[in-house]
């Protein structure tokens, strides 16, 4: 086996190494008091750049059931147009419900909140909300249908308990199509504010809350309506009650409301179909699976506890339907660009990274080599490793020659090709093991708001003049611990994947989705499946050498 015998003669080296392991972030600040030219003259901080092989990998339709969240709407960028719709089963708040006597259905309301966060107060002291997972502010046409397509839990002729898989191109695992005619069953109408039917099915997008009120009463000191509930920004539709009277309330005592299986066969679900308005629209990520997303039936019934002297002979009650257990997202793409697999040997001039069933990039460090059995020569990976560490005969780490302070992947946006709307975040991951890099878990900045989470490791897009809507310049993704694992912990030099992401928090549970592709093992990160956004990056073979993708490493080296 190879022997690396370069000895270090600096007696303080081990102390610095221990300090680095304890808090490597101190070294990331290259001008800090830990190591700089004023206090550590025996060390030199250097930076090297290393070429990588980067190429595009075309995705196919992705498995889109069981996502937890669903996409809806219209998105346009340099790649073309993506249109997202979904179908969902419903689950009642109780089975075999007893609605009561003399039931009168007052109203039916569907509410699905957006992902949002309170940012500030307005002049009247009301909270102002920022929408976190909404792209655009244009209205969309949203048509609701009772679906006639049965979403199966299991494959009829498959292995025991083999779950059925549904894909974004409206197919199932055996490539059988899901007919649009089955999804578009009986229309489910909703109303305008004046109570008339919304025949155009137009839904507006807003960051304003819904304030629900009731008329003033004699007991109140003012004449203002009384606020009974405030709902976060989202989609709130008042549905035409006739359908729900017949579909739900009139079925009291029937077997169709006695179990989830019976209900799923009787009422197979709701198809949410999105279309553009005046050839424009917005794209929304909806948390449809939360209990706050529901259809609520408001009705009046006899008050069974009322006596002869009671003035309250009736009472109000509700019955809810939530969305699930099965939901499937669909993506229809009308691409202007032809996406294809790139050159995995030499790399590409441009990297096409597009969410949904678009494209990812693959990255190879040091020509994709790893430790081998050849004792006589070093490959690219072994040469690099020998420059940084000393190892034993089996290639195991003995001691460092250089301390890695910070390692980054740097990608430049091709501003001549991208027309804006590029993703604010990219996600780099271990594509072979389908897991985040160790840096993801060690980032230290984990926030419930996706745009503010894991920002050290997955740095946001650097824009011109740091303006939110400025042209994208570059992404810098820190992978210091991944590089240290290659040097110090004998990790394998695996190929990495690069994808778009709308919510980096979704990757914490290794959420990868299978892809219909000639590569049977190909998967896509969940955060990429649900976003339509895409960008075009300079690859390692771009004609502009100043914008080639590279790996940069800052390290501390003793002055011998």
Protein backbone atom coordinates (compact mmCIF):
# COMPACT_ATOMS: atom_id res chain seq x y z
CA UNK A 1 0.00 0.00 0.00
CA UNK A 2 1.02 3.58 -0.46
CA UNK A 3 3.05 5.23 2.32
CA UNK A 4 2.99 8.94 2.92
CA UNK A 5 6.14 9.94 4.83
CA UNK A 6 6.28 13.73 4.81
CA UNK A 7 7.05 14.75 8.44
CA UNK A 8 5.99 18.03 10.09
CA UNK A 9 8.54 19.79 12.33
CA UNK A 10 6.33 22.33 14.07
CA UNK A 11 5.77 21.61 17.79
CA UNK A 12 2.60 23.73 18.09
CA UNK A 13 0.81 22.05 15.21
CA UNK A 14 -1.07 19.50 17.29
CA UNK A 15 -2.45 22.18 19.60
CA UNK A 16 -3.83 24.15 16.66
CA UNK A 17 -5.30 20.98 15.18
CA UNK A 18 -7.19 20.19 18.38
CA UNK A 19 -8.53 23.74 18.47
CA UNK A 20 -9.70 23.38 14.90
CA UNK A 21 -11.60 20.19 15.60
CA UNK A 22 -13.27 21.82 18.59
CA UNK A 23 -14.51 24.82 16.65
CA UNK A 24 -13.74 24.84 12.96
CA UNK A 25 -15.92 27.93 12.45
CA UNK A 26 -13.19 30.02 14.10
CA UNK A 27 -10.91 29.17 11.20
CA UNK A 28 -13.59 30.04 8.67
CA UNK A 29 -13.15 33.67 9.65
CA UNK A 30 -9.80 34.13 8.03
CA UNK A 31 -9.13 37.49 9.72
CA UNK A 32 -10.01 36.33 13.21
CA UNK A 33 -7.73 36.38 16.23
CA UNK A 34 -7.33 32.61 16.12
CA UNK A 35 -4.96 32.51 13.20
CA UNK A 36 -3.59 35.58 11.46
CA UNK A 37 -0.25 36.93 10.39
CA UNK A 38 0.15 39.08 13.51
CA UNK A 39 -0.04 36.31 16.09
CA UNK A 40 0.85 33.17 14.15
CA UNK A 41 3.88 33.84 12.02
CA UNK A 42 4.67 30.13 11.73
CA UNK A 43 1.51 29.54 9.70
CA UNK A 44 0.35 30.67 6.28
CA UNK A 45 -3.29 30.82 5.23
CA UNK A 46 -3.68 29.79 1.62
CA UNK A 47 -6.42 29.19 -0.87
CA UNK A 48 -6.44 26.66 -3.70
CA UNK A 49 -9.07 26.06 -6.35
CA UNK A 50 -9.74 22.61 -7.75
CA UNK A 51 -11.51 21.69 -10.98
CA UNK A 52 -14.52 19.43 -10.80
CA UNK A 53 -16.45 17.54 -13.44
CA UNK A 54 -20.04 18.77 -13.54
CA UNK A 55 -22.75 17.63 -15.94
CA UNK A 56 -26.54 17.69 -16.27
CA UNK A 57 -28.76 14.69 -15.63
CA UNK A 58 -32.26 14.67 -17.12
CA UNK A 59 -35.00 13.63 -14.75
CA UNK A 60 -38.17 11.89 -15.79
CA UNK A 61 -41.58 11.91 -14.13
CA UNK A 62 -41.17 11.76 -10.35
CA UNK A 63 -43.21 9.87 -7.78
CA UNK A 64 -45.63 12.48 -6.50
CA UNK A 65 -47.88 10.76 -3.97
CA UNK A 66 -47.30 11.05 -0.24
CA UNK A 67 -45.42 14.34 -0.54
CA UNK A 68 -47.00 15.90 2.54
CA UNK A 69 -47.40 19.17 0.66
CA UNK A 70 -48.78 19.86 -2.80
CA UNK A 71 -48.15 22.30 -5.65
CA UNK A 72 -50.79 24.30 -7.48
CA UNK A 73 -50.58 26.93 -10.19
CA UNK A 74 -48.66 28.29 -13.15
CA UNK A 75 -44.94 29.02 -13.46
CA UNK A 76 -43.01 30.49 -16.39
CA UNK A 77 -39.24 30.80 -16.79
CA UNK A 78 -36.54 30.31 -19.41
CA UNK A 79 -37.36 26.60 -19.53
CA UNK A 80 -41.01 27.21 -20.47
CA UNK A 81 -44.25 26.71 -18.55
CA UNK A 82 -45.04 24.31 -15.71
CA UNK A 83 -48.63 23.78 -14.57
CA UNK A 84 -49.30 22.01 -11.27
CA UNK A 85 -52.55 20.42 -10.13
CA UNK A 86 -53.39 17.70 -7.62
CA UNK A 87 -56.06 15.23 -6.53
CA UNK A 88 -56.86 14.42 -2.92
CA UNK A 89 -59.07 12.02 -1.03
CA UNK A 90 -61.01 13.38 1.95
CA UNK A 91 -61.26 12.19 5.55
CA UNK A 92 -64.29 13.05 7.76
CA UNK A 93 -63.99 14.41 11.30
CA UNK A 94 -66.02 11.38 12.44
CA UNK A 95 -67.47 8.24 10.92
CA UNK A 96 -71.15 7.30 11.08
CA UNK A 97 -72.03 10.87 12.07
CA UNK A 98 -75.38 11.84 13.59
CA UNK A 99 -76.21 15.26 12.23
CA UNK A 100 -79.44 15.71 14.22
CA UNK A 101 -83.03 16.63 13.46
CA UNK A 102 -84.26 19.25 11.01
CA UNK A 103 -80.79 19.91 9.67
CA UNK A 104 -80.35 23.03 7.54
CA UNK A 105 -77.02 23.47 5.75
CA UNK A 106 -76.05 27.13 6.11
CA UNK A 107 -72.70 27.26 4.30
CA UNK A 108 -69.69 25.23 3.21
CA UNK A 109 -66.19 26.73 3.35
CA UNK A 110 -62.89 25.34 2.04
CA UNK A 111 -59.73 26.84 3.51
CA UNK A 112 -56.12 25.96 2.71
CA UNK A 113 -53.44 28.24 4.26
CA UNK A 114 -50.29 29.39 2.52
CA UNK A 115 -46.90 29.03 4.16
CA UNK A 116 -46.40 32.48 5.66
CA UNK A 117 -44.71 34.37 8.47
CA UNK A 118 -45.56 37.60 10.31
CA UNK A 119 -42.99 40.28 9.48
CA UNK A 120 -44.23 43.59 10.90
CA UNK A 121 -47.22 45.65 12.02
CA UNK A 122 -49.13 48.10 9.84
CA UNK A 123 -50.28 51.58 10.95
CA UNK A 124 -53.37 50.10 12.59
CA UNK A 125 -51.42 47.56 14.60
CA UNK A 126 -52.36 44.61 12.40
CA UNK A 127 -49.77 41.99 11.49
CA UNK A 128 -48.38 41.99 7.96
CA UNK A 129 -47.54 38.55 6.58
CA UNK A 130 -44.91 37.45 4.08
CA UNK A 131 -45.76 34.49 1.87
CA UNK A 132 -42.89 31.97 1.96
CA UNK A 133 -43.94 29.46 -0.69
CA UNK A 134 -45.84 31.51 -3.25
CA UNK A 135 -44.25 32.57 -6.52
CA UNK A 136 -46.05 35.51 -8.08
CA UNK A 137 -49.16 37.49 -7.23
CA UNK A 138 -51.30 36.94 -10.32
CA UNK A 139 -54.71 35.22 -10.03
CA UNK A 140 -55.21 31.68 -11.25
CA UNK A 141 -58.19 29.78 -12.53
CA UNK A 142 -58.95 27.02 -10.04
CA UNK A 143 -61.54 24.44 -11.02
CA UNK A 144 -62.71 21.84 -8.50
CA UNK A 145 -64.10 18.47 -9.55
CA UNK A 146 -65.35 15.38 -7.81
CA UNK A 147 -62.81 12.84 -9.01
CA UNK A 148 -64.00 9.55 -10.46
CA UNK A 149 -60.51 8.05 -10.26
CA UNK A 150 -59.94 5.66 -7.34
CA UNK A 151 -56.61 6.19 -5.56
CA UNK A 152 -55.53 2.71 -4.48
CA UNK A 153 -53.47 2.08 -1.37
CA UNK A 154 -51.89 -1.14 -2.68
CA UNK A 155 -50.92 -2.74 -5.99
CA UNK A 156 -53.66 -5.29 -6.81
CA UNK A 157 -51.30 -7.95 -8.20
CA UNK A 158 -48.19 -6.88 -6.32
CA UNK A 159 -46.36 -8.26 -3.33
CA UNK A 160 -48.01 -8.26 0.08
CA UNK A 161 -48.58 -4.67 1.26
CA UNK A 162 -46.86 -3.24 -1.84
CA UNK A 163 -48.03 0.38 -2.01
CA UNK A 164 -49.22 1.86 -5.27
CA UNK A 165 -46.98 4.59 -6.68
CA UNK A 166 -48.30 7.60 -8.58
CA UNK A 167 -46.18 9.85 -10.79
CA UNK A 168 -46.22 13.48 -11.80
CA UNK A 169 -47.13 12.75 -15.44
CA UNK A 170 -50.49 11.21 -14.43
CA UNK A 171 -49.33 7.60 -14.51
CA UNK A 172 -48.90 4.83 -11.98
CA UNK A 173 -45.87 2.59 -11.48
CA UNK A 174 -46.71 0.26 -14.38
CA UNK A 175 -47.04 3.32 -16.68
CA UNK A 176 -50.83 3.02 -16.88
CA UNK A 177 -52.29 6.49 -17.47
CA UNK A 178 -54.66 8.34 -15.17
CA UNK A 179 -57.29 9.68 -17.55
CA UNK A 180 -58.10 13.39 -17.28
CA UNK A 181 -61.73 12.52 -17.99
CA UNK A 182 -61.85 10.47 -14.78
CA UNK A 183 -60.26 13.24 -12.72
CA UNK A 184 -62.71 15.83 -14.08
CA UNK A 185 -65.95 14.41 -12.73
CA UNK A 186 -68.82 16.47 -11.34
CA UNK A 187 -67.85 20.17 -11.02
CA UNK A 188 -67.77 21.52 -7.46
CA UNK A 189 -68.90 25.12 -7.69
CA UNK A 190 -67.98 27.99 -5.39
CA UNK A 191 -69.49 31.41 -4.83
CA UNK A 192 -68.63 35.07 -5.20
CA UNK A 193 -68.96 37.43 -2.26
CA UNK A 194 -72.50 38.32 -3.35
CA UNK A 195 -73.56 34.66 -3.26
CA UNK A 196 -73.62 34.12 -7.03
CA UNK A 197 -71.72 31.22 -8.59
CA UNK A 198 -68.13 32.04 -9.56
CA UNK A 199 -68.47 30.84 -13.12
CA UNK A 200 -64.95 31.94 -14.09
CA UNK A 201 -63.32 30.09 -11.14
CA UNK A 202 -60.89 32.94 -10.51
CA UNK A 203 -58.82 32.81 -7.30
CA UNK A 204 -56.72 35.79 -6.23
CA UNK A 205 -53.37 35.55 -4.43
CA UNK A 206 -52.88 37.80 -1.41
CA UNK A 207 -50.86 38.07 1.79
CA UNK A 208 -53.86 39.51 3.64
CA UNK A 209 -55.56 37.65 6.50
CA UNK A 210 -59.23 36.68 6.51
CA UNK A 211 -61.14 38.45 9.28
CA UNK A 212 -64.43 36.70 10.01
CA UNK A 213 -67.08 38.72 11.82
CA UNK A 214 -70.66 38.49 13.05
CA UNK A 215 -73.21 41.33 13.42
CA UNK A 216 -73.11 43.58 16.46
CA UNK A 217 -75.42 42.65 19.36
CA UNK A 218 -77.31 44.69 21.90
CA UNK A 219 -74.84 43.69 24.60
CA UNK A 220 -71.91 45.27 22.77
CA UNK A 221 -70.86 48.81 23.57
CA UNK A 222 -69.96 49.67 19.96
CA UNK A 223 -71.64 49.19 16.62
CA UNK A 224 -68.72 47.46 14.93
CA UNK A 225 -69.05 43.85 13.79
CA UNK A 226 -67.58 41.38 16.25
CA UNK A 227 -64.45 39.56 15.10
CA UNK A 228 -64.91 35.85 15.71
CA UNK A 229 -61.88 34.44 13.87
CA UNK A 230 -58.79 35.53 11.96
CA UNK A 231 -57.33 33.16 9.39
CA UNK A 232 -53.82 33.32 7.96
CA UNK A 233 -53.39 34.11 4.25
CA UNK A 234 -54.47 31.26 2.03
CA UNK A 235 -57.20 30.04 -0.31
CA UNK A 236 -60.66 30.40 1.21
CA UNK A 237 -63.66 29.50 -0.95
CA UNK A 238 -67.34 29.46 -0.05
CA UNK A 239 -68.63 26.37 -1.85
CA UNK A 240 -72.11 25.99 -3.30
CA UNK A 241 -73.96 23.94 -0.64
CA UNK A 242 -76.21 21.80 -2.88
CA UNK A 243 -73.46 19.34 -3.74
CA UNK A 244 -72.49 18.84 -0.08
CA UNK A 245 -76.06 18.46 1.09
CA UNK A 246 -76.54 15.53 -1.23
CA UNK A 247 -73.02 14.12 -0.93
CA UNK A 248 -72.63 14.24 2.87
CA UNK A 249 -75.63 15.33 4.96
CA UNK A 250 -78.18 13.24 3.07
CA UNK A 251 -76.03 10.14 3.65
CA UNK A 252 -76.54 10.06 7.43
CA UNK A 253 -76.93 6.45 8.53
CA UNK A 254 -75.61 5.06 5.24
CA UNK A 255 -72.61 2.75 5.01
CA UNK A 256 -70.71 5.20 2.79
CA UNK A 257 -69.93 7.35 5.86
CA UNK A 258 -69.12 4.44 8.17
CA UNK A 259 -65.41 3.95 7.31
CA UNK A 260 -62.57 5.48 5.34
CA UNK A 261 -62.57 2.63 2.83
CA UNK A 262 -66.29 3.05 2.15
CA UNK A 263 -65.97 6.81 1.84
CA UNK A 264 -62.96 6.54 -0.50
CA UNK A 265 -64.99 4.32 -2.83
CA UNK A 266 -68.13 6.48 -2.62
CA UNK A 267 -66.47 9.92 -2.74
CA UNK A 268 -63.15 9.28 -4.47
CA UNK A 269 -61.68 12.71 -3.95
CA UNK A 270 -61.38 16.26 -5.23
CA UNK A 271 -59.33 17.27 -8.25
CA UNK A 272 -57.77 20.74 -8.01
CA UNK A 273 -57.08 21.89 -11.57
CA UNK A 274 -55.07 25.07 -12.15
CA UNK A 275 -55.07 27.11 -15.36
CA UNK A 276 -53.70 30.55 -16.33
CA UNK A 277 -55.72 33.76 -16.36
CA UNK A 278 -54.90 35.98 -19.36
CA UNK A 279 -51.95 33.66 -19.98
CA UNK A 280 -50.47 34.45 -16.53
CA UNK A 281 -50.61 32.92 -13.08
CA UNK A 282 -48.90 32.18 -9.78
CA UNK A 283 -47.38 29.05 -8.30
CA UNK A 284 -48.24 27.98 -4.75
CA UNK A 285 -46.92 25.33 -2.38
CA UNK A 286 -49.81 24.30 -0.12
CA UNK A 287 -49.69 22.49 3.21
CA UNK A 288 -52.80 20.52 2.29
CA UNK A 289 -52.09 17.78 4.82
CA UNK A 290 -52.45 19.97 7.92
CA UNK A 291 -55.68 19.85 9.94
CA UNK A 292 -56.20 23.57 9.32
CA UNK A 293 -56.69 22.70 5.64
CA UNK A 294 -60.25 21.48 5.46
CA UNK A 295 -63.78 21.75 4.16
CA UNK A 296 -66.21 22.76 6.90
CA UNK A 297 -69.97 22.26 6.66
CA UNK A 298 -71.84 24.76 8.87
CA UNK A 299 -75.39 23.70 9.65
CA UNK A 300 -78.27 24.32 12.05
CA UNK A 301 -80.21 21.57 13.83
CA UNK A 302 -82.77 21.18 16.59
CA UNK A 303 -81.40 21.76 20.07
CA UNK A 304 -82.09 18.43 21.70
CA UNK A 305 -81.41 19.91 25.14
CA UNK A 306 -84.00 22.67 24.78
CA UNK A 307 -87.12 22.58 26.99
CA UNK A 308 -90.51 24.22 26.54
CA UNK A 309 -89.34 27.52 28.05
CA UNK A 310 -86.05 27.69 26.15
CA UNK A 311 -85.56 30.44 23.60
CA UNK A 312 -82.75 28.49 21.92
CA UNK A 313 -84.68 25.82 20.03
CA UNK A 314 -81.92 25.37 17.45
CA UNK A 315 -78.15 25.16 17.63
CA UNK A 316 -75.28 25.46 15.21
CA UNK A 317 -72.86 22.63 14.47
CA UNK A 318 -70.10 21.75 12.03
CA UNK A 319 -68.77 18.74 10.17
CA UNK A 320 -65.27 18.77 8.67
CA UNK A 321 -63.48 16.98 5.87
CA UNK A 322 -59.68 17.10 5.79
CA UNK A 323 -57.54 16.21 2.78
CA UNK A 324 -56.05 12.72 2.59
CA UNK A 325 -54.93 10.11 3.29
CA UNK A 326 -53.91 9.84 -0.38
CA UNK A 327 -52.93 12.90 -2.41
CA UNK A 328 -51.12 13.02 -5.76
CA UNK A 329 -49.50 16.04 -7.44
CA UNK A 330 -49.32 16.40 -11.22
CA UNK A 331 -46.97 18.58 -13.27
CA UNK A 332 -47.56 19.39 -16.93
CA UNK A 333 -44.49 20.86 -18.64
CA UNK A 334 -44.34 22.79 -21.89
CA UNK A 335 -40.56 23.22 -22.17
CA UNK A 336 -38.80 25.57 -24.58
CA UNK A 337 -35.48 23.81 -23.95
CA UNK A 338 -34.57 20.23 -24.70
CA UNK A 339 -33.24 18.65 -21.53
CA UNK A 340 -30.80 15.78 -21.98
CA UNK A 341 -28.07 13.91 -20.13
CA UNK A 342 -24.71 15.68 -20.19
CA UNK A 343 -21.13 14.47 -20.65
CA UNK A 344 -20.29 12.51 -17.50
CA UNK A 345 -16.66 12.01 -18.59
CA UNK A 346 -15.62 15.54 -19.51
CA UNK A 347 -18.40 17.63 -17.99
CA UNK A 348 -20.65 20.25 -19.58
CA UNK A 349 -20.33 23.90 -20.53
CA UNK A 350 -23.74 24.62 -18.95
CA UNK A 351 -25.56 22.96 -16.08
CA UNK A 352 -29.34 22.77 -16.41
CA UNK A 353 -30.94 22.58 -12.98
CA UNK A 354 -34.74 22.54 -12.99
CA UNK A 355 -37.25 21.45 -10.36
CA UNK A 356 -40.13 19.02 -10.75
CA UNK A 357 -39.38 16.43 -13.42
CA UNK A 358 -36.74 18.68 -14.94
CA UNK A 359 -33.01 18.19 -14.43
CA UNK A 360 -30.30 17.99 -11.78
CA UNK A 361 -26.51 18.28 -11.98
CA UNK A 362 -23.96 15.68 -10.95
CA UNK A 363 -20.56 16.62 -9.52
CA UNK A 364 -17.32 14.65 -9.47
CA UNK A 365 -14.37 15.73 -7.34
CA UNK A 366 -10.82 14.80 -8.39
CA UNK A 367 -11.98 13.12 -11.62
CA UNK A 368 -14.32 10.89 -9.63
CA UNK A 369 -11.43 8.79 -8.33
CA UNK A 370 -11.11 7.14 -4.93
CA UNK A 371 -8.36 5.15 -3.17
CA UNK A 372 -7.22 2.22 -5.29
CA UNK A 373 -4.86 -0.77 -5.02
CA UNK A 374 -2.17 0.69 -7.27
CA UNK A 375 0.91 1.19 -5.08
CA UNK A 376 3.05 2.77 -7.75
CA UNK A 377 1.08 5.82 -8.87
CA UNK A 378 -1.31 8.32 -7.38
CA UNK A 379 -4.63 9.09 -8.99
CA UNK A 380 -6.11 12.61 -8.77
CA UNK A 381 -7.87 11.97 -5.46
CA UNK A 382 -4.84 10.34 -3.82
CA UNK A 383 -2.57 13.16 -4.98
CA UNK A 384 -4.87 15.75 -3.43
CA UNK A 385 -5.22 13.78 -0.22
CA UNK A 386 -1.44 13.34 0.07
CA UNK A 387 -1.01 17.12 -0.07
CA UNK A 388 -3.23 17.53 3.00
CA UNK A 389 -2.70 14.51 5.27
CA UNK A 390 -0.31 11.71 6.11
CA UNK A 391 -1.73 8.19 6.14
CA UNK A 392 -0.60 4.68 6.99
CA UNK A 393 -0.10 1.73 4.64
CA UNK A 394 -3.86 1.11 4.51
CA UNK A 395 -4.66 4.71 3.68
CA UNK A 396 -5.87 5.52 7.21
CA UNK A 397 -5.34 9.01 8.58
CA UNK A 398 -2.27 9.60 10.80
CA UNK A 399 -1.90 13.36 10.95
CA UNK A 400 -2.56 16.52 8.98
CA UNK A 401 -0.15 18.47 6.87
CA UNK A 402 -2.68 21.23 6.21
CA UNK A 403 -5.75 22.29 8.18
CA UNK A 404 -8.87 22.89 6.12
CA UNK A 405 -10.51 26.09 7.36
CA UNK A 406 -13.28 26.35 4.81
CA UNK A 407 -14.32 24.59 1.61
CA UNK A 408 -16.90 25.90 -0.85
CA UNK A 409 -18.51 24.96 -4.11
CA UNK A 410 -18.94 28.04 -6.29
CA UNK A 411 -21.42 28.15 -9.18
CA UNK A 412 -21.92 31.13 -11.48
CA UNK A 413 -25.30 31.85 -13.07
CA UNK A 414 -25.35 32.31 -16.83
CA UNK A 415 -27.10 35.68 -16.82
CA UNK A 416 -27.26 35.73 -20.63
CA UNK A 417 -29.55 32.68 -20.60
CA UNK A 418 -31.51 33.02 -17.37
CA UNK A 419 -34.39 35.45 -17.55
CA UNK A 420 -34.83 35.93 -13.82
CA UNK A 421 -37.02 33.91 -11.44
CA UNK A 422 -34.07 31.66 -10.65
CA UNK A 423 -34.21 29.81 -7.31
CA UNK A 424 -32.84 31.56 -4.27
CA UNK A 425 -31.40 28.30 -2.96
CA UNK A 426 -29.72 25.19 -4.33
CA UNK A 427 -29.32 21.86 -2.55
CA UNK A 428 -26.15 19.74 -2.75
CA UNK A 429 -26.31 16.15 -1.53
CA UNK A 430 -24.77 12.68 -1.60
CA UNK A 431 -26.43 11.28 -4.71
CA UNK A 432 -25.16 7.73 -4.18
CA UNK A 433 -26.48 7.35 -0.64
CA UNK A 434 -29.41 9.75 -1.18
CA UNK A 435 -28.61 11.76 1.94
CA UNK A 436 -27.70 15.35 2.83
CA UNK A 437 -24.04 16.10 3.41
CA UNK A 438 -22.80 16.24 7.00
CA UNK A 439 -22.59 20.03 6.68
CA UNK A 440 -26.39 20.14 6.44
CA UNK A 441 -26.74 18.78 9.97
CA UNK A 442 -23.88 20.84 11.40
CA UNK A 443 -24.99 24.14 9.93
CA UNK A 444 -26.26 25.51 13.22
CA UNK A 445 -28.87 27.78 11.64
CA UNK A 446 -32.11 25.83 11.46
CA UNK A 447 -35.20 27.96 11.23
CA UNK A 448 -38.87 27.19 10.77
CA UNK A 449 -38.81 29.71 7.93
CA UNK A 450 -37.17 27.85 5.00
CA UNK A 451 -35.62 30.97 3.49
CA UNK A 452 -33.65 31.55 6.70
CA UNK A 453 -32.66 27.96 7.38
CA UNK A 454 -29.28 26.24 6.76
CA UNK A 455 -27.86 29.38 5.19
CA UNK A 456 -24.19 28.69 6.02
CA UNK A 457 -24.09 25.40 4.16
CA UNK A 458 -26.60 26.22 1.42
CA UNK A 459 -25.80 29.88 0.84
CA UNK A 460 -28.54 31.96 -0.83
CA UNK A 461 -28.09 33.28 -4.34
CA UNK A 462 -25.82 36.34 -4.46
CA UNK A 463 -27.60 39.00 -6.50
CA UNK A 464 -26.53 42.24 -8.15
CA UNK A 465 -26.35 45.01 -5.50
CA UNK A 466 -27.86 42.52 -3.02
CA UNK A 467 -31.30 43.51 -4.27
CA UNK A 468 -34.06 40.89 -3.71
CA UNK A 469 -35.00 41.08 -7.40
CA UNK A 470 -31.49 41.67 -8.74
CA UNK A 471 -29.92 39.42 -11.34
CA UNK A 472 -28.38 36.28 -9.90
CA UNK A 473 -24.57 36.19 -9.84
CA UNK A 474 -23.44 33.06 -8.02
CA UNK A 475 -24.11 30.47 -5.35
CA UNK A 476 -21.53 29.51 -2.70
CA UNK A 477 -22.25 26.24 -0.90
CA UNK A 478 -20.02 25.46 2.09
CA UNK A 479 -18.96 21.80 2.34
CA UNK A 480 -16.10 22.05 4.84
CA UNK A 481 -17.02 18.98 6.87
CA UNK A 482 -17.60 16.89 3.78
CA UNK A 483 -14.04 17.67 2.67
CA UNK A 484 -12.71 16.96 6.18
CA UNK A 485 -14.46 13.60 6.10
CA UNK A 486 -12.60 12.75 2.89
CA UNK A 487 -9.29 13.70 4.50
CA UNK A 488 -9.60 12.68 8.14
CA UNK A 489 -12.25 9.98 8.29
CA UNK A 490 -11.53 7.88 5.21
CA UNK A 491 -14.87 8.69 3.59
CA UNK A 492 -15.54 7.63 0.03
CA UNK A 493 -15.24 10.28 -2.65
CA UNK A 494 -18.85 9.90 -3.75
CA UNK A 495 -20.54 11.73 -6.59
CA UNK A 496 -22.68 14.66 -5.44
CA UNK A 497 -26.01 15.87 -6.75
CA UNK A 498 -27.19 19.46 -7.19
CA UNK A 499 -30.86 20.42 -7.38
CA UNK A 500 -33.15 23.37 -6.91
CA UNK A 501 -35.02 23.68 -3.63
CA UNK A 502 -37.96 25.69 -2.34
CA UNK A 503 -37.79 24.42 1.25
CA UNK A 504 -34.42 23.14 2.52
CA UNK A 505 -36.02 21.84 5.73
CA UNK A 506 -37.72 19.04 3.81
CA UNK A 507 -34.42 17.22 3.30
CA UNK A 508 -33.79 16.58 7.00
CA UNK A 509 -35.50 13.17 6.78
CA UNK A 510 -33.63 12.06 3.62
CA UNK A 511 -36.78 12.57 1.54
CA UNK A 512 -35.89 11.31 -1.94
CA UNK A 513 -38.46 10.37 -4.59
CA UNK A 514 -38.05 7.73 -7.34
CA UNK A 515 -37.84 8.89 -10.94
CA UNK A 516 -39.01 7.11 -14.09
CA UNK A 517 -35.70 6.90 -15.94
CA UNK A 518 -33.34 4.52 -17.70
CA UNK A 519 -31.27 4.88 -14.53
CA UNK A 520 -33.34 2.67 -12.23
CA UNK A 521 -31.64 4.01 -9.11
CA UNK A 522 -32.20 7.68 -9.92
CA UNK A 523 -34.13 9.73 -7.37
CA UNK A 524 -34.91 13.39 -6.83
CA UNK A 525 -34.89 15.32 -3.53
CA UNK A 526 -38.37 16.13 -2.23
CA UNK A 527 -37.62 19.86 -2.08
CA UNK A 528 -36.83 19.73 -5.81
CA UNK A 529 -39.93 17.72 -6.70
CA UNK A 530 -42.29 20.40 -5.38
CA UNK A 531 -40.64 23.47 -6.94
CA UNK A 532 -40.88 24.52 -10.59
CA UNK A 533 -37.92 26.87 -10.43
CA UNK A 534 -34.83 26.39 -12.53
CA UNK A 535 -31.54 28.02 -13.40
CA UNK A 536 -28.66 27.61 -15.83
CA UNK A 537 -25.13 27.58 -14.41
CA UNK A 538 -21.71 27.71 -15.97
CA UNK A 539 -20.15 24.24 -15.97
CA UNK A 540 -16.52 23.18 -15.91
CA UNK A 541 -16.27 23.40 -19.72
CA UNK A 542 -17.73 26.89 -20.12
CA UNK A 543 -15.90 29.16 -22.54
CA UNK A 544 -15.70 31.84 -19.81
CA UNK A 545 -12.87 30.59 -17.62
CA UNK A 546 -13.64 33.16 -14.92
CA UNK A 547 -17.02 31.56 -14.29
CA UNK A 548 -16.18 27.87 -14.32
CA UNK A 549 -17.56 25.87 -11.44
CA UNK A 550 -14.85 25.03 -8.93
CA UNK A 551 -14.09 23.79 -5.44
CA UNK A 552 -12.22 26.34 -3.31
CA UNK A 553 -10.40 25.35 -0.14
CA UNK A 554 -8.94 27.73 2.43
CA UNK A 555 -6.33 26.01 4.57
CA UNK A 556 -3.64 26.71 7.13
CA UNK A 557 -0.16 25.42 6.39
CA UNK A 558 2.94 25.56 8.62
CA UNK A 559 5.92 27.53 7.34
CA UNK A 560 8.68 24.94 7.24
